Amino acid sequence: MGRVTPLVEARGLAVGHGGRALLEEVGLGLHRGRILCLLGPNGVGKTTLFRTLLGLMPPLGGAVFLGGRPLSDLSRAEIAQRLAYVPQTLTTPFAWRALDLVLMGAAARLGPFARPGAAEIARAEAALALLGIDDLGPVEITRLSGGQRQMVLIARAIAQGAEAVAMDEPTASLDFANRIRVGKAIRGLAARGIGVLLCTHDPDQAADLGDEAVLIEPGGVLAAGPAAEVMTAARMTRLYDIPVRRDSLPGGRLHFSGPSGRGDEGPVAGTSAGQNV
């Protein structure tokens, strides 16, 4: 069986600022219907890597490919047709309606001076309906909660029609309930065959959502592969420079915890003892 071409691929990638590399020899591949998590501490260079994968910053070495084609050979419009982007937050002084914002994604395939028509409006409305938030269509973005805004941004990515979606910590500022809702939407994208590249600070989220994980430490990649295999207690301890325990919860979920400050190295109350690996 031949090699399956990734939707997004990095080969020997070096990223950084002003000619100084933060990360080198980064390799990863995002495939259709899979969720790939980028995980690492603050300041390690994840955002710079993310921006380079999106084509917003030039690589210092190596290359990025979208659907097997070098990113450097693609126009911004061609990139938008292959890779959508969901930022961590949306801040705008404009009181766009939610439908208008989603329509921007639906219109990504149009020329620079073309106006969206009935087909694009229908695609935007369908994206909102798919996430069960079609009632938000006429509501101004400035009146939406943080969780509602994130769902609208995901709808915009769906309307864009790209095969891959890159998400930069989409639940970082959300409460528990909205984190659950956004997580469900992310799984829904993968179930529809869309590849999801998810940057996160949360090991539990990466273990819960991720099919694969890439652990980013200063200088480069610590480990990459299936999330459950890659995210060991030893590697997470090295990654975050604190003692980390990995426990297996009922249902096969993984939970990661650090020192409690009480001399208690056991799992969180109410969980099974699990396996510290």
C-alpha atoms as a PDB file:
ATOM      1  CA  MET A   1       0.000   0.000   0.000  1.00  0.00           C
ATOM      2  CA  GLY A   2       1.423   3.383  -0.996  1.00  0.00           C
ATOM      3  CA  ARG A   3       2.045   6.316   1.278  1.00  0.00           C
ATOM      4  CA  VAL A   4      -1.036   8.425   2.033  1.00  0.00           C
ATOM      5  CA  THR A   5      -0.326  12.088   1.365  1.00  0.00           C
ATOM      6  CA  PRO A   6      -0.971  14.197   4.496  1.00  0.00           C
ATOM      7  CA  LEU A   7      -3.264  17.204   4.314  1.00  0.00           C
ATOM      8  CA  VAL A   8      -0.616  19.222   6.178  1.00  0.00           C
ATOM      9  CA  GLU A   9       2.986  18.093   6.455  1.00  0.00           C
ATOM     10  CA  ALA A  10       6.209  19.545   7.861  1.00  0.00           C
ATOM     11  CA  ARG A  11       9.564  18.105   6.825  1.00  0.00           C
ATOM     12  CA  GLY A  12      12.728  19.130   8.644  1.00  0.00           C
ATOM     13  CA  LEU A  13      11.063  22.422   9.528  1.00  0.00           C
ATOM     14  CA  ALA A  14      12.965  25.177  11.346  1.00  0.00           C
ATOM     15  CA  VAL A  15      11.009  28.146  12.672  1.00  0.00           C
ATOM     16  CA  GLY A  16      11.923  31.321  14.509  1.00  0.00           C
ATOM     17  CA  HIS A  17      12.323  35.082  14.363  1.00  0.00           C
ATOM     18  CA  GLY A  18      15.001  37.319  12.889  1.00  0.00           C
ATOM     19  CA  GLY A  19      17.006  34.394  11.598  1.00  0.00           C
ATOM     20  CA  ARG A  20      17.201  32.770  15.067  1.00  0.00           C
ATOM     21  CA  ALA A  21      15.626  29.331  15.193  1.00  0.00           C
ATOM     22  CA  LEU A  22      13.368  28.438  18.107  1.00  0.00           C
ATOM     23  CA  LEU A  23      12.587  24.963  16.792  1.00  0.00           C
ATOM     24  CA  GLU A  24      14.489  22.807  14.305  1.00  0.00           C
ATOM     25  CA  GLU A  25      13.963  19.530  12.461  1.00  0.00           C
ATOM     26  CA  VAL A  26      10.219  19.504  13.129  1.00  0.00           C
ATOM     27  CA  GLY A  27       8.342  16.763  11.326  1.00  0.00           C
ATOM     28  CA  LEU A  28       4.605  16.114  11.448  1.00  0.00           C
ATOM     29  CA  GLY A  29       1.756  14.978   9.235  1.00  0.00           C
ATOM     30  CA  LEU A  30      -1.972  15.658   9.564  1.00  0.00           C
ATOM     31  CA  HIS A  31      -4.302  13.209   7.801  1.00  0.00           C
ATOM     32  CA  ARG A  32      -7.954  13.268   6.831  1.00  0.00           C
ATOM     33  CA  GLY A  33     -10.363  12.712   9.714  1.00  0.00           C
ATOM     34  CA  ARG A  34      -7.619  12.840  12.358  1.00  0.00           C
ATOM     35  CA  ILE A  35      -6.912  15.238  15.225  1.00  0.00           C
ATOM     36  CA  LEU A  36      -3.242  16.100  15.720  1.00  0.00           C
ATOM     37  CA  CYS A  37      -2.373  17.991  18.916  1.00  0.00           C
ATOM     38  CA  LEU A  38       0.642  20.259  19.361  1.00  0.00           C
ATOM     39  CA  LEU A  39       1.469  20.293  23.054  1.00  0.00           C
ATOM     40  CA  GLY A  40       4.136  22.106  25.046  1.00  0.00           C
ATOM     41  CA  PRO A  41       4.878  24.789  27.646  1.00  0.00           C
ATOM     42  CA  ASN A  42       4.493  28.527  27.144  1.00  0.00           C
ATOM     43  CA  GLY A  43       7.254  30.261  25.220  1.00  0.00           C
ATOM     44  CA  VAL A  44       8.574  27.131  23.554  1.00  0.00           C
ATOM     45  CA  GLY A  45       7.659  28.263  20.040  1.00  0.00           C
ATOM     46  CA  LYS A  46       4.305  26.566  19.400  1.00  0.00           C
ATOM     47  CA  THR A  47       2.677  29.754  18.136  1.00  0.00           C
ATOM     48  CA  THR A  48       5.618  30.449  15.832  1.00  0.00           C
ATOM     49  CA  LEU A  49       5.406  26.881  14.523  1.00  0.00           C
ATOM     50  CA  PHE A  50       1.678  27.283  14.080  1.00  0.00           C
ATOM     51  CA  ARG A  51       2.048  30.535  12.144  1.00  0.00           C
ATOM     52  CA  THR A  52       4.687  28.966   9.919  1.00  0.00           C
ATOM     53  CA  LEU A  53       2.446  25.997   9.144  1.00  0.00           C
ATOM     54  CA  LEU A  54      -0.302  28.466   8.195  1.00  0.00           C
ATOM     55  CA  GLY A  55       2.033  30.319   5.842  1.00  0.00           C
ATOM     56  CA  LEU A  56       1.919  33.487   7.937  1.00  0.00           C
ATOM     57  CA  MET A  57       5.677  33.306   8.624  1.00  0.00           C
ATOM     58  CA  PRO A  58       8.444  31.985   6.352  1.00  0.00           C
ATOM     59  CA  PRO A  59      10.342  28.891   7.558  1.00  0.00           C
ATOM     60  CA  LEU A  60      14.026  29.215   8.422  1.00  0.00           C
ATOM     61  CA  GLY A  61      14.622  25.741   7.051  1.00  0.00           C
ATOM     62  CA  GLY A  62      12.784  22.710   5.753  1.00  0.00           C
ATOM     63  CA  ALA A  63       9.359  22.971   4.164  1.00  0.00           C
ATOM     64  CA  VAL A  64       5.597  22.824   4.708  1.00  0.00           C
ATOM     65  CA  PHE A  65       3.313  20.961   2.298  1.00  0.00           C
ATOM     66  CA  LEU A  66      -0.450  21.159   1.843  1.00  0.00           C
ATOM     67  CA  GLY A  67      -1.894  18.152   0.066  1.00  0.00           C
ATOM     68  CA  GLY A  68       1.591  17.273  -1.167  1.00  0.00           C
ATOM     69  CA  ARG A  69       2.243  20.705  -2.672  1.00  0.00           C
ATOM     70  CA  PRO A  70       4.886  23.044  -1.202  1.00  0.00           C
ATOM     71  CA  LEU A  71       3.237  25.829   0.759  1.00  0.00           C
ATOM     72  CA  SER A  72       5.623  28.288  -0.889  1.00  0.00           C
ATOM     73  CA  ASP A  73       4.104  27.474  -4.298  1.00  0.00           C
ATOM     74  CA  LEU A  74       0.544  28.296  -3.223  1.00  0.00           C
ATOM     75  CA  SER A  75      -1.253  31.632  -3.276  1.00  0.00           C
ATOM     76  CA  ARG A  76      -3.139  32.849  -0.203  1.00  0.00           C
ATOM     77  CA  ALA A  77      -6.401  31.909  -1.938  1.00  0.00           C
ATOM     78  CA  GLU A  78      -5.107  28.379  -2.635  1.00  0.00           C
ATOM     79  CA  ILE A  79      -3.981  28.024   0.973  1.00  0.00           C
ATOM     80  CA  ALA A  80      -7.435  29.127   2.166  1.00  0.00           C
ATOM     81  CA  GLN A  81      -9.023  26.427   0.019  1.00  0.00           C
ATOM     82  CA  ARG A  82      -6.932  23.769   1.780  1.00  0.00           C
ATOM     83  CA  LEU A  83      -6.472  25.046   5.329  1.00  0.00           C
ATOM     84  CA  ALA A  84      -8.895  27.008   7.527  1.00  0.00           C
ATOM     85  CA  TYR A  85      -7.931  28.774  10.745  1.00  0.00           C
ATOM     86  CA  VAL A  86      -9.694  29.118  14.094  1.00  0.00           C
ATOM     87  CA  PRO A  87      -7.891  31.624  16.375  1.00  0.00           C
ATOM     88  CA  GLN A  88      -7.836  31.500  20.162  1.00  0.00           C
ATOM     89  CA  THR A  89     -10.143  34.496  20.472  1.00  0.00           C
ATOM     90  CA  LEU A  90     -11.927  36.954  18.245  1.00  0.00           C
ATOM     91  CA  THR A  91     -11.625  40.638  19.032  1.00  0.00           C
ATOM     92  CA  THR A  92     -13.181  43.084  16.622  1.00  0.00           C
ATOM     93  CA  PRO A  93     -14.549  46.613  16.885  1.00  0.00           C
ATOM     94  CA  PHE A  94     -17.093  45.804  14.181  1.00  0.00           C
ATOM     95  CA  ALA A  95     -20.550  44.580  15.108  1.00  0.00           C
ATOM     96  CA  TRP A  96     -20.796  41.977  12.367  1.00  0.00           C
ATOM     97  CA  ARG A  97     -23.626  39.515  12.557  1.00  0.00           C
ATOM     98  CA  ALA A  98     -22.539  35.929  13.215  1.00  0.00           C
ATOM     99  CA  LEU A  99     -23.808  34.978   9.757  1.00  0.00           C
ATOM    100  CA  ASP A 100     -21.646  37.697   8.181  1.00  0.00           C
ATOM    101  CA  LEU A 101     -18.542  36.321   9.876  1.00  0.00           C
ATOM    102  CA  VAL A 102     -19.300  32.767   8.739  1.00  0.00           C
ATOM    103  CA  LEU A 103     -19.961  34.103   5.253  1.00  0.00           C
ATOM    104  CA  MET A 104     -16.350  35.319   5.151  1.00  0.00           C
ATOM    105  CA  GLY A 105     -15.304  31.678   5.266  1.00  0.00           C
ATOM    106  CA  ALA A 106     -17.800  30.662   2.610  1.00  0.00           C
ATOM    107  CA  ALA A 107     -16.458  33.422   0.353  1.00  0.00           C
ATOM    108  CA  ALA A 108     -12.802  32.368   0.751  1.00  0.00           C
ATOM    109  CA  ARG A 109     -12.818  30.655  -2.649  1.00  0.00           C
ATOM    110  CA  LEU A 110     -14.049  33.740  -4.470  1.00  0.00           C
ATOM    111  CA  GLY A 111     -11.831  36.235  -6.240  1.00  0.00           C
ATOM    112  CA  PRO A 112     -10.689  39.401  -4.444  1.00  0.00           C
ATOM    113  CA  PHE A 113     -13.446  41.566  -5.945  1.00  0.00           C
ATOM    114  CA  ALA A 114     -16.233  38.990  -6.149  1.00  0.00           C
ATOM    115  CA  ARG A 115     -19.279  39.307  -3.916  1.00  0.00           C
ATOM    116  CA  PRO A 116     -20.763  36.276  -2.150  1.00  0.00           C
ATOM    117  CA  GLY A 117     -24.000  35.080  -3.683  1.00  0.00           C
ATOM    118  CA  ALA A 118     -26.824  32.720  -2.816  1.00  0.00           C
ATOM    119  CA  ALA A 119     -24.554  29.641  -2.838  1.00  0.00           C
ATOM    120  CA  GLU A 120     -22.145  31.174  -0.315  1.00  0.00           C
ATOM    121  CA  ILE A 121     -24.984  32.368   1.922  1.00  0.00           C
ATOM    122  CA  ALA A 122     -26.510  28.880   1.862  1.00  0.00           C
ATOM    123  CA  ARG A 123     -23.127  27.363   2.769  1.00  0.00           C
ATOM    124  CA  ALA A 124     -22.732  29.755   5.713  1.00  0.00           C
ATOM    125  CA  GLU A 125     -26.244  29.044   6.978  1.00  0.00           C
ATOM    126  CA  ALA A 126     -25.643  25.296   6.661  1.00  0.00           C
ATOM    127  CA  ALA A 127     -22.430  25.561   8.713  1.00  0.00           C
ATOM    128  CA  LEU A 128     -24.264  27.331  11.533  1.00  0.00           C
ATOM    129  CA  ALA A 129     -27.059  24.740  11.412  1.00  0.00           C
ATOM    130  CA  LEU A 130     -24.569  21.876  11.496  1.00  0.00           C
ATOM    131  CA  LEU A 131     -23.278  23.103  14.859  1.00  0.00           C
ATOM    132  CA  GLY A 132     -26.780  23.792  16.137  1.00  0.00           C
ATOM    133  CA  ILE A 133     -26.219  27.540  16.395  1.00  0.00           C
ATOM    134  CA  ASP A 134     -28.283  28.771  13.459  1.00  0.00           C
ATOM    135  CA  ASP A 135     -30.242  30.926  15.923  1.00  0.00           C
ATOM    136  CA  LEU A 136     -27.068  33.009  16.382  1.00  0.00           C
ATOM    137  CA  GLY A 137     -26.956  34.004  12.705  1.00  0.00           C
ATOM    138  CA  PRO A 138     -28.602  37.440  13.088  1.00  0.00           C
ATOM    139  CA  VAL A 139     -26.881  38.227  16.416  1.00  0.00           C
ATOM    140  CA  GLU A 140     -24.013  40.733  16.481  1.00  0.00           C
ATOM    141  CA  ILE A 141     -20.652  39.186  17.361  1.00  0.00           C
ATOM    142  CA  THR A 142     -20.086  41.779  20.099  1.00  0.00           C
ATOM    143  CA  ARG A 143     -23.146  40.420  21.933  1.00  0.00           C
ATOM    144  CA  LEU A 144     -22.020  36.780  21.944  1.00  0.00           C
ATOM    145  CA  SER A 145     -20.305  34.969  24.802  1.00  0.00           C
ATOM    146  CA  GLY A 146     -16.783  33.624  24.397  1.00  0.00           C
ATOM    147  CA  GLY A 147     -18.057  30.103  23.817  1.00  0.00           C
ATOM    148  CA  GLN A 148     -20.584  31.265  21.237  1.00  0.00           C
ATOM    149  CA  ARG A 149     -17.878  33.193  19.391  1.00  0.00           C
ATOM    150  CA  GLN A 150     -15.687  30.119  19.217  1.00  0.00           C
ATOM    151  CA  MET A 151     -18.537  28.064  17.809  1.00  0.00           C
ATOM    152  CA  VAL A 152     -19.129  30.754  15.187  1.00  0.00           C
ATOM    153  CA  LEU A 153     -15.430  30.684  14.267  1.00  0.00           C
ATOM    154  CA  ILE A 154     -15.642  26.908  13.850  1.00  0.00           C
ATOM    155  CA  ALA A 155     -18.705  27.405  11.646  1.00  0.00           C
ATOM    156  CA  ARG A 156     -16.662  29.847   9.554  1.00  0.00           C
ATOM    157  CA  ALA A 157     -13.984  27.182   9.114  1.00  0.00           C
ATOM    158  CA  ILE A 158     -16.611  24.626   8.050  1.00  0.00           C
ATOM    159  CA  ALA A 159     -18.099  27.076   5.553  1.00  0.00           C
ATOM    160  CA  GLN A 160     -14.644  27.630   4.085  1.00  0.00           C
ATOM    161  CA  GLY A 161     -14.746  24.059   2.790  1.00  0.00           C
ATOM    162  CA  ALA A 162     -11.085  23.302   3.524  1.00  0.00           C
ATOM    163  CA  GLU A 163      -9.943  19.735   4.149  1.00  0.00           C
ATOM    164  CA  ALA A 164      -7.913  20.785   7.202  1.00  0.00           C
ATOM    165  CA  VAL A 165      -8.536  23.181  10.087  1.00  0.00           C
ATOM    166  CA  ALA A 166      -5.853  24.668  12.325  1.00  0.00           C
ATOM    167  CA  MET A 167      -6.994  25.709  15.804  1.00  0.00           C
ATOM    168  CA  ASP A 168      -4.853  27.804  18.144  1.00  0.00           C
ATOM    169  CA  GLU A 169      -5.975  26.989  21.709  1.00  0.00           C
ATOM    170  CA  PRO A 170      -9.670  27.450  20.888  1.00  0.00           C
ATOM    171  CA  THR A 171     -10.822  26.683  24.451  1.00  0.00           C
ATOM    172  CA  ALA A 172      -8.140  28.552  26.418  1.00  0.00           C
ATOM    173  CA  SER A 173     -10.465  31.281  27.719  1.00  0.00           C
ATOM    174  CA  LEU A 174     -13.655  29.239  27.968  1.00  0.00           C
ATOM    175  CA  ASP A 175     -15.484  27.850  30.986  1.00  0.00           C
ATOM    176  CA  PHE A 176     -16.018  24.141  31.531  1.00  0.00           C
ATOM    177  CA  ALA A 177     -19.350  23.847  29.721  1.00  0.00           C
ATOM    178  CA  ASN A 178     -18.136  25.695  26.640  1.00  0.00           C
ATOM    179  CA  ARG A 179     -14.934  23.651  26.567  1.00  0.00           C
ATOM    180  CA  ILE A 180     -17.128  20.554  26.340  1.00  0.00           C
ATOM    181  CA  ARG A 181     -19.233  22.087  23.547  1.00  0.00           C
ATOM    182  CA  VAL A 182     -16.191  23.126  21.509  1.00  0.00           C
ATOM    183  CA  GLY A 183     -14.555  19.742  22.076  1.00  0.00           C
ATOM    184  CA  LYS A 184     -17.670  18.047  20.713  1.00  0.00           C
ATOM    185  CA  ALA A 185     -17.550  20.338  17.661  1.00  0.00           C
ATOM    186  CA  ILE A 186     -13.894  19.428  17.089  1.00  0.00           C
ATOM    187  CA  ARG A 187     -14.745  15.727  17.150  1.00  0.00           C
ATOM    188  CA  GLY A 188     -17.550  16.470  14.719  1.00  0.00           C
ATOM    189  CA  LEU A 189     -15.096  18.006  12.254  1.00  0.00           C
ATOM    190  CA  ALA A 190     -12.928  14.889  12.337  1.00  0.00           C
ATOM    191  CA  ALA A 191     -15.995  12.659  11.940  1.00  0.00           C
ATOM    192  CA  ARG A 192     -16.770  14.547   8.714  1.00  0.00           C
ATOM    193  CA  GLY A 193     -13.304  13.692   7.364  1.00  0.00           C
ATOM    194  CA  ILE A 194     -11.670  17.041   8.151  1.00  0.00           C
ATOM    195  CA  GLY A 195      -8.144  16.956   9.584  1.00  0.00           C
ATOM    196  CA  VAL A 196      -7.758  19.083  12.735  1.00  0.00           C
ATOM    197  CA  LEU A 197      -4.453  20.559  13.868  1.00  0.00           C
ATOM    198  CA  LEU A 198      -5.024  21.584  17.489  1.00  0.00           C
ATOM    199  CA  CYS A 199      -2.561  23.655  19.500  1.00  0.00           C
ATOM    200  CA  THR A 200      -3.233  23.281  23.227  1.00  0.00           C
ATOM    201  CA  HIS A 201      -1.673  23.791  26.656  1.00  0.00           C
ATOM    202  CA  ASP A 202      -3.933  21.182  28.250  1.00  0.00           C
ATOM    203  CA  PRO A 203      -2.611  17.586  28.417  1.00  0.00           C
ATOM    204  CA  ASP A 204      -6.052  16.242  29.331  1.00  0.00           C
ATOM    205  CA  GLN A 205      -7.578  17.883  26.274  1.00  0.00           C
ATOM    206  CA  ALA A 206      -4.816  16.537  24.030  1.00  0.00           C
ATOM    207  CA  ALA A 207      -5.279  13.013  25.407  1.00  0.00           C
ATOM    208  CA  ASP A 208      -9.068  13.242  25.148  1.00  0.00           C
ATOM    209  CA  LEU A 209      -9.290  14.663  21.618  1.00  0.00           C
ATOM    210  CA  GLY A 210      -6.004  13.820  19.968  1.00  0.00           C
ATOM    211  CA  ASP A 211      -5.419  10.838  17.699  1.00  0.00           C
ATOM    212  CA  GLU A 212      -1.782  11.877  17.460  1.00  0.00           C
ATOM    213  CA  ALA A 213       0.334  14.255  19.520  1.00  0.00           C
ATOM    214  CA  VAL A 214       3.524  16.189  18.886  1.00  0.00           C
ATOM    215  CA  LEU A 215       5.311  17.212  22.098  1.00  0.00           C
ATOM    216  CA  ILE A 216       7.269  20.447  21.601  1.00  0.00           C
ATOM    217  CA  GLU A 217      10.205  21.217  23.909  1.00  0.00           C
ATOM    218  CA  PRO A 218      12.829  23.980  23.610  1.00  0.00           C
ATOM    219  CA  GLY A 219      14.717  23.411  20.382  1.00  0.00           C
ATOM    220  CA  GLY A 220      12.427  20.916  18.710  1.00  0.00           C
ATOM    221  CA  VAL A 221      10.210  17.857  18.984  1.00  0.00           C
ATOM    222  CA  LEU A 222      10.489  15.673  22.079  1.00  0.00           C
ATOM    223  CA  ALA A 223       8.232  12.936  20.704  1.00  0.00           C
ATOM    224  CA  ALA A 224       5.514  12.397  18.105  1.00  0.00           C
ATOM    225  CA  GLY A 225       3.038   9.603  17.461  1.00  0.00           C
ATOM    226  CA  PRO A 226      -0.245   8.188  18.791  1.00  0.00           C
ATOM    227  CA  ALA A 227      -1.322  10.393  21.691  1.00  0.00           C
ATOM    228  CA  ALA A 228      -1.787   7.600  24.242  1.00  0.00           C
ATOM    229  CA  GLU A 229       1.668   6.210  23.465  1.00  0.00           C
ATOM    230  CA  VAL A 230       3.544   9.493  23.244  1.00  0.00           C
ATOM    231  CA  MET A 231       2.127  11.197  26.337  1.00  0.00           C
ATOM    232  CA  THR A 232       3.845   9.195  29.053  1.00  0.00           C
ATOM    233  CA  ALA A 233       4.341  10.510  32.589  1.00  0.00           C
ATOM    234  CA  ALA A 234       8.100  10.647  32.042  1.00  0.00           C
ATOM    235  CA  ARG A 235       7.811  12.713  28.872  1.00  0.00           C
ATOM    236  CA  MET A 236       5.211  15.048  30.362  1.00  0.00           C
ATOM    237  CA  THR A 237       7.443  15.531  33.412  1.00  0.00           C
ATOM    238  CA  ARG A 238      10.309  16.518  31.124  1.00  0.00           C
ATOM    239  CA  LEU A 239       8.065  18.707  28.978  1.00  0.00           C
ATOM    240  CA  TYR A 240       6.691  20.804  31.849  1.00  0.00           C
ATOM    241  CA  ASP A 241       9.618  20.465  34.282  1.00  0.00           C
ATOM    242  CA  ILE A 242       7.407  19.324  37.164  1.00  0.00           C
ATOM    243  CA  PRO A 243       6.535  15.824  38.392  1.00  0.00           C
ATOM    244  CA  VAL A 244       3.552  14.655  36.318  1.00  0.00           C
ATOM    245  CA  ARG A 245       1.374  11.647  37.026  1.00  0.00           C
ATOM    246  CA  ARG A 246      -0.680   9.897  34.343  1.00  0.00           C
ATOM    247  CA  ASP A 247      -3.775   8.030  35.486  1.00  0.00           C
ATOM    248  CA  SER A 248      -6.195   5.855  33.543  1.00  0.00           C
ATOM    249  CA  LEU A 249      -9.802   6.733  34.313  1.00  0.00           C
ATOM    250  CA  PRO A 250     -12.934   4.635  33.775  1.00  0.00           C
ATOM    251  CA  GLY A 251     -13.790   4.477  30.087  1.00  0.00           C
ATOM    252  CA  GLY A 252     -10.165   4.529  29.009  1.00  0.00           C
ATOM    253  CA  ARG A 253      -9.631   8.276  29.396  1.00  0.00           C
ATOM    254  CA  LEU A 254      -6.315   9.621  30.611  1.00  0.00           C
ATOM    255  CA  HIS A 255      -5.801  12.247  33.294  1.00  0.00           C
ATOM    256  CA  PHE A 256      -2.580  14.139  34.010  1.00  0.00           C
ATOM    257  CA  SER A 257      -1.867  15.789  37.342  1.00  0.00           C
ATOM    258  CA  GLY A 258       1.058  17.569  38.970  1.00  0.00           C
ATOM    259  CA  PRO A 259       2.102  17.916  42.599  1.00  0.00           C
ATOM    260  CA  SER A 260      -0.808  18.892  44.815  1.00  0.00           C
ATOM    261  CA  GLY A 261       1.341  20.792  47.286  1.00  0.00           C
ATOM    262  CA  ARG A 262      -0.006  18.593  50.107  1.00  0.00           C
ATOM    263  CA  GLY A 263       2.491  15.767  49.853  1.00  0.00           C
ATOM    264  CA  ASP A 264      -0.169  13.763  48.053  1.00  0.00           C
ATOM    265  CA  GLU A 265       1.171  12.031  44.951  1.00  0.00           C
ATOM    266  CA  GLY A 266      -1.969   9.989  44.382  1.00  0.00           C
ATOM    267  CA  PRO A 267      -4.618  10.542  41.704  1.00  0.00           C
ATOM    268  CA  VAL A 268      -7.351  13.104  41.968  1.00  0.00           C
ATOM    269  CA  ALA A 269     -10.035  12.216  44.496  1.00  0.00           C
ATOM    270  CA  GLY A 270     -12.814  10.163  42.992  1.00  0.00           C
ATOM    271  CA  THR A 271     -10.676   8.630  40.222  1.00  0.00           C
ATOM    272  CA  SER A 272      -9.214   5.188  39.939  1.00  0.00           C
ATOM    273  CA  ALA A 273      -5.596   4.665  40.902  1.00  0.00           C
ATOM    274  CA  GLY A 274      -4.907   3.970  37.259  1.00  0.00           C
ATOM    275  CA  GLN A 275      -1.467   3.546  35.861  1.00  0.00           C
ATOM    276  CA  ASN A 276       1.424   5.973  36.222  1.00  0.00           C
ATOM    277  CA  VAL A 277       3.542   5.433  33.103  1.00  0.00           C
END
